Amino acid sequence: MSPTPSEISAWLAREGIVGTGPHFPEDGDLFAAGLDSMAVMQLVVAAEEAWRIVLTPEDLTRDHLESPRTLAALFASKMQAG
């Protein structure tokens, strides 16, 4: 089952990737919350471990990584493809 935007927010906080919390908006700006190039690399590794998905360089666009909602959609597409 694909993660929800709320689950993505909680996961990002647990992994220490960005400063999202339980009330972080589904459309909140992950870059404003601290997502930078190092955090993206951490996200790639953590996503493989937690969700069993492989993110490619083509997946790592601002459009895909913008918010918990866009990230959940990316993860869902990867889980369906895999």
PDB file of N, CA and C in Angstrom:
ATOM      1  N   MET A   1       0.836  -1.178   0.000  1.00  0.00           N
ATOM      2  CA  MET A   1       0.000   0.000   0.000  1.00  0.00           C
ATOM      3  C   MET A   1       0.886   1.249   0.000  1.00  0.00           C
ATOM      4  N   SER A   2       0.512   2.215  -0.772  1.00  0.00           N
ATOM      5  CA  SER A   2       1.279   3.452  -0.910  1.00  0.00           C
ATOM      6  C   SER A   2       1.105   4.331   0.325  1.00  0.00           C
ATOM      7  N   PRO A   3       2.174   5.039   0.709  1.00  0.00           N
ATOM      8  CA  PRO A   3       2.070   5.917   1.873  1.00  0.00           C
ATOM      9  C   PRO A   3       1.242   7.163   1.571  1.00  0.00           C
ATOM     10  N   THR A   4       0.552   7.653   2.579  1.00  0.00           N
ATOM     11  CA  THR A   4      -0.207   8.903   2.466  1.00  0.00           C
ATOM     12  C   THR A   4       0.740  10.078   2.695  1.00  0.00           C
ATOM     13  N   PRO A   5       0.321  11.272   2.309  1.00  0.00           N
ATOM     14  CA  PRO A   5       1.157  12.439   2.601  1.00  0.00           C
ATOM     15  C   PRO A   5       1.465  12.579   4.101  1.00  0.00           C
ATOM     16  N   SER A   6       0.511  12.274   4.962  1.00  0.00           N
ATOM     17  CA  SER A   6       0.745  12.346   6.410  1.00  0.00           C
ATOM     18  C   SER A   6       1.793  11.333   6.843  1.00  0.00           C
ATOM     19  N   GLU A   7       1.733  10.139   6.272  1.00  0.00           N
ATOM     20  CA  GLU A   7       2.736   9.120   6.581  1.00  0.00           C
ATOM     21  C   GLU A   7       4.120   9.549   6.084  1.00  0.00           C
ATOM     22  N   ILE A   8       4.157  10.189   4.931  1.00  0.00           N
ATOM     23  CA  ILE A   8       5.426  10.704   4.396  1.00  0.00           C
ATOM     24  C   ILE A   8       6.000  11.750   5.344  1.00  0.00           C
ATOM     25  N   SER A   9       5.166  12.679   5.821  1.00  0.00           N
ATOM     26  CA  SER A   9       5.632  13.709   6.760  1.00  0.00           C
ATOM     27  C   SER A   9       6.224  13.089   8.014  1.00  0.00           C
ATOM     28  N   ALA A  10       5.506  12.147   8.584  1.00  0.00           N
ATOM     29  CA  ALA A  10       5.969  11.489   9.807  1.00  0.00           C
ATOM     30  C   ALA A  10       7.270  10.737   9.550  1.00  0.00           C
ATOM     31  N   TRP A  11       7.352  10.060   8.424  1.00  0.00           N
ATOM     32  CA  TRP A  11       8.551   9.298   8.058  1.00  0.00           C
ATOM     33  C   TRP A  11       9.753  10.223   7.886  1.00  0.00           C
ATOM     34  N   LEU A  12       9.561  11.340   7.191  1.00  0.00           N
ATOM     35  CA  LEU A  12      10.651  12.303   6.995  1.00  0.00           C
ATOM     36  C   LEU A  12      11.180  12.811   8.333  1.00  0.00           C
ATOM     37  N   ALA A  13      10.272  13.067   9.271  1.00  0.00           N
ATOM     38  CA  ALA A  13      10.682  13.549  10.595  1.00  0.00           C
ATOM     39  C   ALA A  13      11.418  12.456  11.366  1.00  0.00           C
ATOM     40  N   ARG A  14      10.882  11.230  11.345  1.00  0.00           N
ATOM     41  CA  ARG A  14      11.529  10.112  12.054  1.00  0.00           C
ATOM     42  C   ARG A  14      12.929   9.854  11.539  1.00  0.00           C
ATOM     43  N   GLU A  15      13.089   9.953  10.228  1.00  0.00           N
ATOM     44  CA  GLU A  15      14.396   9.715   9.610  1.00  0.00           C
ATOM     45  C   GLU A  15      15.350  10.891   9.786  1.00  0.00           C
ATOM     46  N   GLY A  16      14.836  12.017  10.281  1.00  0.00           N
ATOM     47  CA  GLY A  16      15.672  13.199  10.453  1.00  0.00           C
ATOM     48  C   GLY A  16      16.045  13.864   9.146  1.00  0.00           C
ATOM     49  N   ILE A  17      15.230  13.638   8.114  1.00  0.00           N
ATOM     50  CA  ILE A  17      15.535  14.181   6.787  1.00  0.00           C
ATOM     51  C   ILE A  17      15.182  15.667   6.729  1.00  0.00           C
ATOM     52  N   VAL A  18      14.000  16.020   7.206  1.00  0.00           N
ATOM     53  CA  VAL A  18      13.572  17.428   7.291  1.00  0.00           C
ATOM     54  C   VAL A  18      12.730  17.609   8.547  1.00  0.00           C
ATOM     55  N   GLY A  19      12.533  18.859   8.912  1.00  0.00           N
ATOM     56  CA  GLY A  19      11.795  19.180  10.127  1.00  0.00           C
ATOM     57  C   GLY A  19      10.297  19.236   9.944  1.00  0.00           C
ATOM     58  N   THR A  20       9.721  18.125   9.538  1.00  0.00           N
ATOM     59  CA  THR A  20       8.271  18.045   9.445  1.00  0.00           C
ATOM     60  C   THR A  20       7.762  17.411  10.733  1.00  0.00           C
ATOM     61  N   GLY A  21       6.559  17.735  11.087  1.00  0.00           N
ATOM     62  CA  GLY A  21       5.969  17.155  12.283  1.00  0.00           C
ATOM     63  C   GLY A  21       4.594  16.617  11.967  1.00  0.00           C
ATOM     64  N   PRO A  22       3.867  16.222  12.998  1.00  0.00           N
ATOM     65  CA  PRO A  22       2.555  15.616  12.765  1.00  0.00           C
ATOM     66  C   PRO A  22       1.546  16.565  12.128  1.00  0.00           C
ATOM     67  N   HIS A  23       1.772  17.866  12.253  1.00  0.00           N
ATOM     68  CA  HIS A  23       0.818  18.831  11.702  1.00  0.00           C
ATOM     69  C   HIS A  23       1.360  19.555  10.471  1.00  0.00           C
ATOM     70  N   PHE A  24       2.408  19.002   9.884  1.00  0.00           N
ATOM     71  CA  PHE A  24       2.975  19.601   8.675  1.00  0.00           C
ATOM     72  C   PHE A  24       1.952  19.466   7.554  1.00  0.00           C
ATOM     73  N   PRO A  25       1.664  20.546   6.820  1.00  0.00           N
ATOM     74  CA  PRO A  25       0.638  20.477   5.766  1.00  0.00           C
ATOM     75  C   PRO A  25       1.017  19.512   4.638  1.00  0.00           C
ATOM     76  N   GLU A  26       0.014  18.849   4.079  1.00  0.00           N
ATOM     77  CA  GLU A  26       0.254  17.915   2.968  1.00  0.00           C
ATOM     78  C   GLU A  26       0.900  18.616   1.783  1.00  0.00           C
ATOM     79  N   ASP A  27       0.599  19.899   1.615  1.00  0.00           N
ATOM     80  CA  ASP A  27       1.188  20.681   0.533  1.00  0.00           C
ATOM     81  C   ASP A  27       2.284  21.619   1.035  1.00  0.00           C
ATOM     82  N   GLY A  28       2.800  21.361   2.243  1.00  0.00           N
ATOM     83  CA  GLY A  28       3.860  22.188   2.797  1.00  0.00           C
ATOM     84  C   GLY A  28       5.143  22.067   1.995  1.00  0.00           C
ATOM     85  N   ASP A  29       5.907  23.132   1.968  1.00  0.00           N
ATOM     86  CA  ASP A  29       7.139  23.204   1.183  1.00  0.00           C
ATOM     87  C   ASP A  29       8.269  22.475   1.912  1.00  0.00           C
ATOM     88  N   LEU A  30       8.663  21.322   1.386  1.00  0.00           N
ATOM     89  CA  LEU A  30       9.735  20.546   2.003  1.00  0.00           C
ATOM     90  C   LEU A  30      11.078  21.255   1.901  1.00  0.00           C
ATOM     91  N   PHE A  31      11.275  22.060   0.875  1.00  0.00           N
ATOM     92  CA  PHE A  31      12.533  22.788   0.741  1.00  0.00           C
ATOM     93  C   PHE A  31      12.631  23.852   1.828  1.00  0.00           C
ATOM     94  N   ALA A  32      11.535  24.533   2.137  1.00  0.00           N
ATOM     95  CA  ALA A  32      11.525  25.512   3.226  1.00  0.00           C
ATOM     96  C   ALA A  32      11.728  24.824   4.576  1.00  0.00           C
ATOM     97  N   ALA A  33      11.325  23.554   4.671  1.00  0.00           N
ATOM     98  CA  ALA A  33      11.471  22.787   5.904  1.00  0.00           C
ATOM     99  C   ALA A  33      12.890  22.229   6.074  1.00  0.00           C
ATOM    100  N   GLY A  34      13.743  22.430   5.077  1.00  0.00           N
ATOM    101  CA  GLY A  34      15.133  22.000   5.209  1.00  0.00           C
ATOM    102  C   GLY A  34      15.612  20.961   4.217  1.00  0.00           C
ATOM    103  N   LEU A  35      14.786  20.597   3.242  1.00  0.00           N
ATOM    104  CA  LEU A  35      15.229  19.629   2.241  1.00  0.00           C
ATOM    105  C   LEU A  35      16.286  20.282   1.358  1.00  0.00           C
ATOM    106  N   ASP A  36      17.492  19.753   1.413  1.00  0.00           N
ATOM    107  CA  ASP A  36      18.583  20.239   0.575  1.00  0.00           C
ATOM    108  C   ASP A  36      19.218  19.033  -0.109  1.00  0.00           C
ATOM    109  N   SER A  37      20.312  19.256  -0.805  1.00  0.00           N
ATOM    110  CA  SER A  37      20.906  18.168  -1.591  1.00  0.00           C
ATOM    111  C   SER A  37      21.351  17.000  -0.713  1.00  0.00           C
ATOM    112  N   MET A  38      21.885  17.277   0.461  1.00  0.00           N
ATOM    113  CA  MET A  38      22.290  16.192   1.362  1.00  0.00           C
ATOM    114  C   MET A  38      21.065  15.434   1.878  1.00  0.00           C
ATOM    115  N   ALA A  39      20.005  16.165   2.190  1.00  0.00           N
ATOM    116  CA  ALA A  39      18.781  15.526   2.664  1.00  0.00           C
ATOM    117  C   ALA A  39      18.145  14.671   1.566  1.00  0.00           C
ATOM    118  N   VAL A  40      18.263  15.112   0.317  1.00  0.00           N
ATOM    119  CA  VAL A  40      17.725  14.323  -0.795  1.00  0.00           C
ATOM    120  C   VAL A  40      18.466  12.989  -0.892  1.00  0.00           C
ATOM    121  N   MET A  41      19.769  13.007  -0.729  1.00  0.00           N
ATOM    122  CA  MET A  41      20.526  11.751  -0.775  1.00  0.00           C
ATOM    123  C   MET A  41      20.115  10.826   0.375  1.00  0.00           C
ATOM    124  N   GLN A  42      19.898  11.394   1.541  1.00  0.00           N
ATOM    125  CA  GLN A  42      19.419  10.618   2.683  1.00  0.00           C
ATOM    126  C   GLN A  42      18.036  10.043   2.376  1.00  0.00           C
ATOM    127  N   LEU A  43      17.181  10.845   1.755  1.00  0.00           N
ATOM    128  CA  LEU A  43      15.833  10.403   1.385  1.00  0.00           C
ATOM    129  C   LEU A  43      15.895   9.218   0.427  1.00  0.00           C
ATOM    130  N   VAL A  44      16.778   9.271  -0.542  1.00  0.00           N
ATOM    131  CA  VAL A  44      16.902   8.185  -1.523  1.00  0.00           C
ATOM    132  C   VAL A  44      17.236   6.869  -0.821  1.00  0.00           C
ATOM    133  N   VAL A  45      18.213   6.897   0.057  1.00  0.00           N
ATOM    134  CA  VAL A  45      18.626   5.683   0.771  1.00  0.00           C
ATOM    135  C   VAL A  45      17.510   5.201   1.698  1.00  0.00           C
ATOM    136  N   ALA A  46      16.912   6.123   2.432  1.00  0.00           N
ATOM    137  CA  ALA A  46      15.853   5.753   3.375  1.00  0.00           C
ATOM    138  C   ALA A  46      14.620   5.211   2.659  1.00  0.00           C
ATOM    139  N   ALA A  47      14.301   5.759   1.486  1.00  0.00           N
ATOM    140  CA  ALA A  47      13.139   5.286   0.721  1.00  0.00           C
ATOM    141  C   ALA A  47      13.347   3.853   0.249  1.00  0.00           C
ATOM    142  N   GLU A  48      14.568   3.537  -0.151  1.00  0.00           N
ATOM    143  CA  GLU A  48      14.865   2.161  -0.564  1.00  0.00           C
ATOM    144  C   GLU A  48      14.664   1.198   0.597  1.00  0.00           C
ATOM    145  N   GLU A  49      15.124   1.595   1.782  1.00  0.00           N
ATOM    146  CA  GLU A  49      15.006   0.734   2.951  1.00  0.00           C
ATOM    147  C   GLU A  49      13.569   0.615   3.445  1.00  0.00           C
ATOM    148  N   ALA A  50      12.872   1.741   3.548  1.00  0.00           N
ATOM    149  CA  ALA A  50      11.536   1.755   4.144  1.00  0.00           C
ATOM    150  C   ALA A  50      10.437   1.307   3.197  1.00  0.00           C
ATOM    151  N   TRP A  51      10.517   1.736   1.948  1.00  0.00           N
ATOM    152  CA  TRP A  51       9.409   1.511   1.016  1.00  0.00           C
ATOM    153  C   TRP A  51       9.769   0.546  -0.112  1.00  0.00           C
ATOM    154  N   ARG A  52      11.022   0.091  -0.147  1.00  0.00           N
ATOM    155  CA  ARG A  52      11.480  -0.846  -1.185  1.00  0.00           C
ATOM    156  C   ARG A  52      11.292  -0.289  -2.588  1.00  0.00           C
ATOM    157  N   ILE A  53      11.591   1.008  -2.742  1.00  0.00           N
ATOM    158  CA  ILE A  53      11.519   1.640  -4.061  1.00  0.00           C
ATOM    159  C   ILE A  53      12.887   2.186  -4.423  1.00  0.00           C
ATOM    160  N   VAL A  54      13.137   2.295  -5.701  1.00  0.00           N
ATOM    161  CA  VAL A  54      14.392   2.865  -6.198  1.00  0.00           C
ATOM    162  C   VAL A  54      14.059   4.188  -6.873  1.00  0.00           C
ATOM    163  N   LEU A  55      14.663   5.245  -6.361  1.00  0.00           N
ATOM    164  CA  LEU A  55      14.484   6.565  -6.958  1.00  0.00           C
ATOM    165  C   LEU A  55      15.667   6.845  -7.872  1.00  0.00           C
ATOM    166  N   THR A  56      15.370   7.232  -9.094  1.00  0.00           N
ATOM    167  CA  THR A  56      16.401   7.526 -10.083  1.00  0.00           C
ATOM    168  C   THR A  56      16.663   9.031 -10.115  1.00  0.00           C
ATOM    169  N   PRO A  57      17.753   9.447 -10.738  1.00  0.00           N
ATOM    170  CA  PRO A  57      18.000  10.891 -10.865  1.00  0.00           C
ATOM    171  C   PRO A  57      16.829  11.634 -11.524  1.00  0.00           C
ATOM    172  N   GLU A  58      16.150  10.988 -12.431  1.00  0.00           N
ATOM    173  CA  GLU A  58      15.002  11.619 -13.097  1.00  0.00           C
ATOM    174  C   GLU A  58      13.846  11.867 -12.131  1.00  0.00           C
ATOM    175  N   ASP A  59      13.780  11.092 -11.048  1.00  0.00           N
ATOM    176  CA  ASP A  59      12.721  11.258 -10.050  1.00  0.00           C
ATOM    177  C   ASP A  59      12.987  12.437  -9.121  1.00  0.00           C
ATOM    178  N   LEU A  60      14.231  12.864  -9.037  1.00  0.00           N
ATOM    179  CA  LEU A  60      14.630  13.831  -8.021  1.00  0.00           C
ATOM    180  C   LEU A  60      14.503  15.267  -8.516  1.00  0.00           C
ATOM    181  N   THR A  61      13.295  15.615  -8.951  1.00  0.00           N
ATOM    182  CA  THR A  61      13.004  16.962  -9.420  1.00  0.00           C
ATOM    183  C   THR A  61      12.272  17.739  -8.338  1.00  0.00           C
ATOM    184  N   ARG A  62      12.313  19.027  -8.450  1.00  0.00           N
ATOM    185  CA  ARG A  62      11.595  19.883  -7.494  1.00  0.00           C
ATOM    186  C   ARG A  62      10.102  19.551  -7.492  1.00  0.00           C
ATOM    187  N   ASP A  63       9.540  19.270  -8.661  1.00  0.00           N
ATOM    188  CA  ASP A  63       8.119  18.940  -8.746  1.00  0.00           C
ATOM    189  C   ASP A  63       7.778  17.700  -7.921  1.00  0.00           C
ATOM    190  N   HIS A  64       8.638  16.691  -7.944  1.00  0.00           N
ATOM    191  CA  HIS A  64       8.378  15.459  -7.187  1.00  0.00           C
ATOM    192  C   HIS A  64       8.655  15.615  -5.694  1.00  0.00           C
ATOM    193  N   LEU A  65       9.611  16.454  -5.336  1.00  0.00           N
ATOM    194  CA  LEU A  65      10.072  16.558  -3.955  1.00  0.00           C
ATOM    195  C   LEU A  65       9.500  17.762  -3.211  1.00  0.00           C
ATOM    196  N   GLU A  66       8.595  18.462  -3.841  1.00  0.00           N
ATOM    197  CA  GLU A  66       8.099  19.733  -3.324  1.00  0.00           C
ATOM    198  C   GLU A  66       7.357  19.637  -1.982  1.00  0.00           C
ATOM    199  N   SER A  67       6.546  18.605  -1.817  1.00  0.00           N
ATOM    200  CA  SER A  67       5.684  18.516  -0.629  1.00  0.00           C
ATOM    201  C   SER A  67       5.445  17.051  -0.276  1.00  0.00           C
ATOM    202  N   PRO A  68       4.915  16.799   0.906  1.00  0.00           N
ATOM    203  CA  PRO A  68       4.548  15.420   1.232  1.00  0.00           C
ATOM    204  C   PRO A  68       3.568  14.826   0.213  1.00  0.00           C
ATOM    205  N   ARG A  69       2.670  15.647  -0.306  1.00  0.00           N
ATOM    206  CA  ARG A  69       1.694  15.158  -1.299  1.00  0.00           C
ATOM    207  C   ARG A  69       2.389  14.721  -2.588  1.00  0.00           C
ATOM    208  N   THR A  70       3.318  15.533  -3.094  1.00  0.00           N
ATOM    209  CA  THR A  70       3.995  15.178  -4.349  1.00  0.00           C
ATOM    210  C   THR A  70       4.938  13.992  -4.143  1.00  0.00           C
ATOM    211  N   LEU A  71       5.545  13.926  -2.972  1.00  0.00           N
ATOM    212  CA  LEU A  71       6.436  12.807  -2.672  1.00  0.00           C
ATOM    213  C   LEU A  71       5.635  11.514  -2.535  1.00  0.00           C
ATOM    214  N   ALA A  72       4.467  11.585  -1.911  1.00  0.00           N
ATOM    215  CA  ALA A  72       3.604  10.397  -1.795  1.00  0.00           C
ATOM    216  C   ALA A  72       3.165   9.918  -3.174  1.00  0.00           C
ATOM    217  N   ALA A  73       2.859  10.847  -4.072  1.00  0.00           N
ATOM    218  CA  ALA A  73       2.477  10.473  -5.437  1.00  0.00           C
ATOM    219  C   ALA A  73       3.642   9.797  -6.155  1.00  0.00           C
ATOM    220  N   LEU A  74       4.849  10.314  -5.979  1.00  0.00           N
ATOM    221  CA  LEU A  74       6.037   9.700  -6.580  1.00  0.00           C
ATOM    222  C   LEU A  74       6.215   8.286  -6.038  1.00  0.00           C
ATOM    223  N   PHE A  75       6.147   8.125  -4.723  1.00  0.00           N
ATOM    224  CA  PHE A  75       6.317   6.810  -4.119  1.00  0.00           C
ATOM    225  C   PHE A  75       5.249   5.852  -4.637  1.00  0.00           C
ATOM    226  N   ALA A  76       4.005   6.308  -4.741  1.00  0.00           N
ATOM    227  CA  ALA A  76       2.919   5.467  -5.233  1.00  0.00           C
ATOM    228  C   ALA A  76       3.206   5.000  -6.661  1.00  0.00           C
ATOM    229  N   SER A  77       3.699   5.900  -7.502  1.00  0.00           N
ATOM    230  CA  SER A  77       3.991   5.514  -8.889  1.00  0.00           C
ATOM    231  C   SER A  77       5.114   4.503  -8.946  1.00  0.00           C
ATOM    232  N   LYS A  78       6.111   4.650  -8.073  1.00  0.00           N
ATOM    233  CA  LYS A  78       7.219   3.694  -8.033  1.00  0.00           C
ATOM    234  C   LYS A  78       6.771   2.327  -7.502  1.00  0.00           C
ATOM    235  N   MET A  79       5.886   2.344  -6.526  1.00  0.00           N
ATOM    236  CA  MET A  79       5.409   1.083  -5.953  1.00  0.00           C
ATOM    237  C   MET A  79       4.535   0.335  -6.948  1.00  0.00           C
ATOM    238  N   GLN A  80       3.764   1.051  -7.745  1.00  0.00           N
ATOM    239  CA  GLN A  80       2.938   0.408  -8.768  1.00  0.00           C
ATOM    240  C   GLN A  80       3.788  -0.164  -9.889  1.00  0.00           C
ATOM    241  N   ALA A  81       4.861   0.566 -10.216  1.00  0.00           N
ATOM    242  CA  ALA A  81       5.740   0.119 -11.311  1.00  0.00           C
ATOM    243  C   ALA A  81       6.574  -1.093 -10.887  1.00  0.00           C
ATOM    244  N   GLY A  82       6.868  -1.183  -9.611  1.00  0.00           N
ATOM    245  CA  GLY A  82       7.739  -2.252  -9.127  1.00  0.00           C
ATOM    246  C   GLY A  82       6.981  -3.471  -8.834  1.00  0.00           C
TER     247      GLY A  82
END
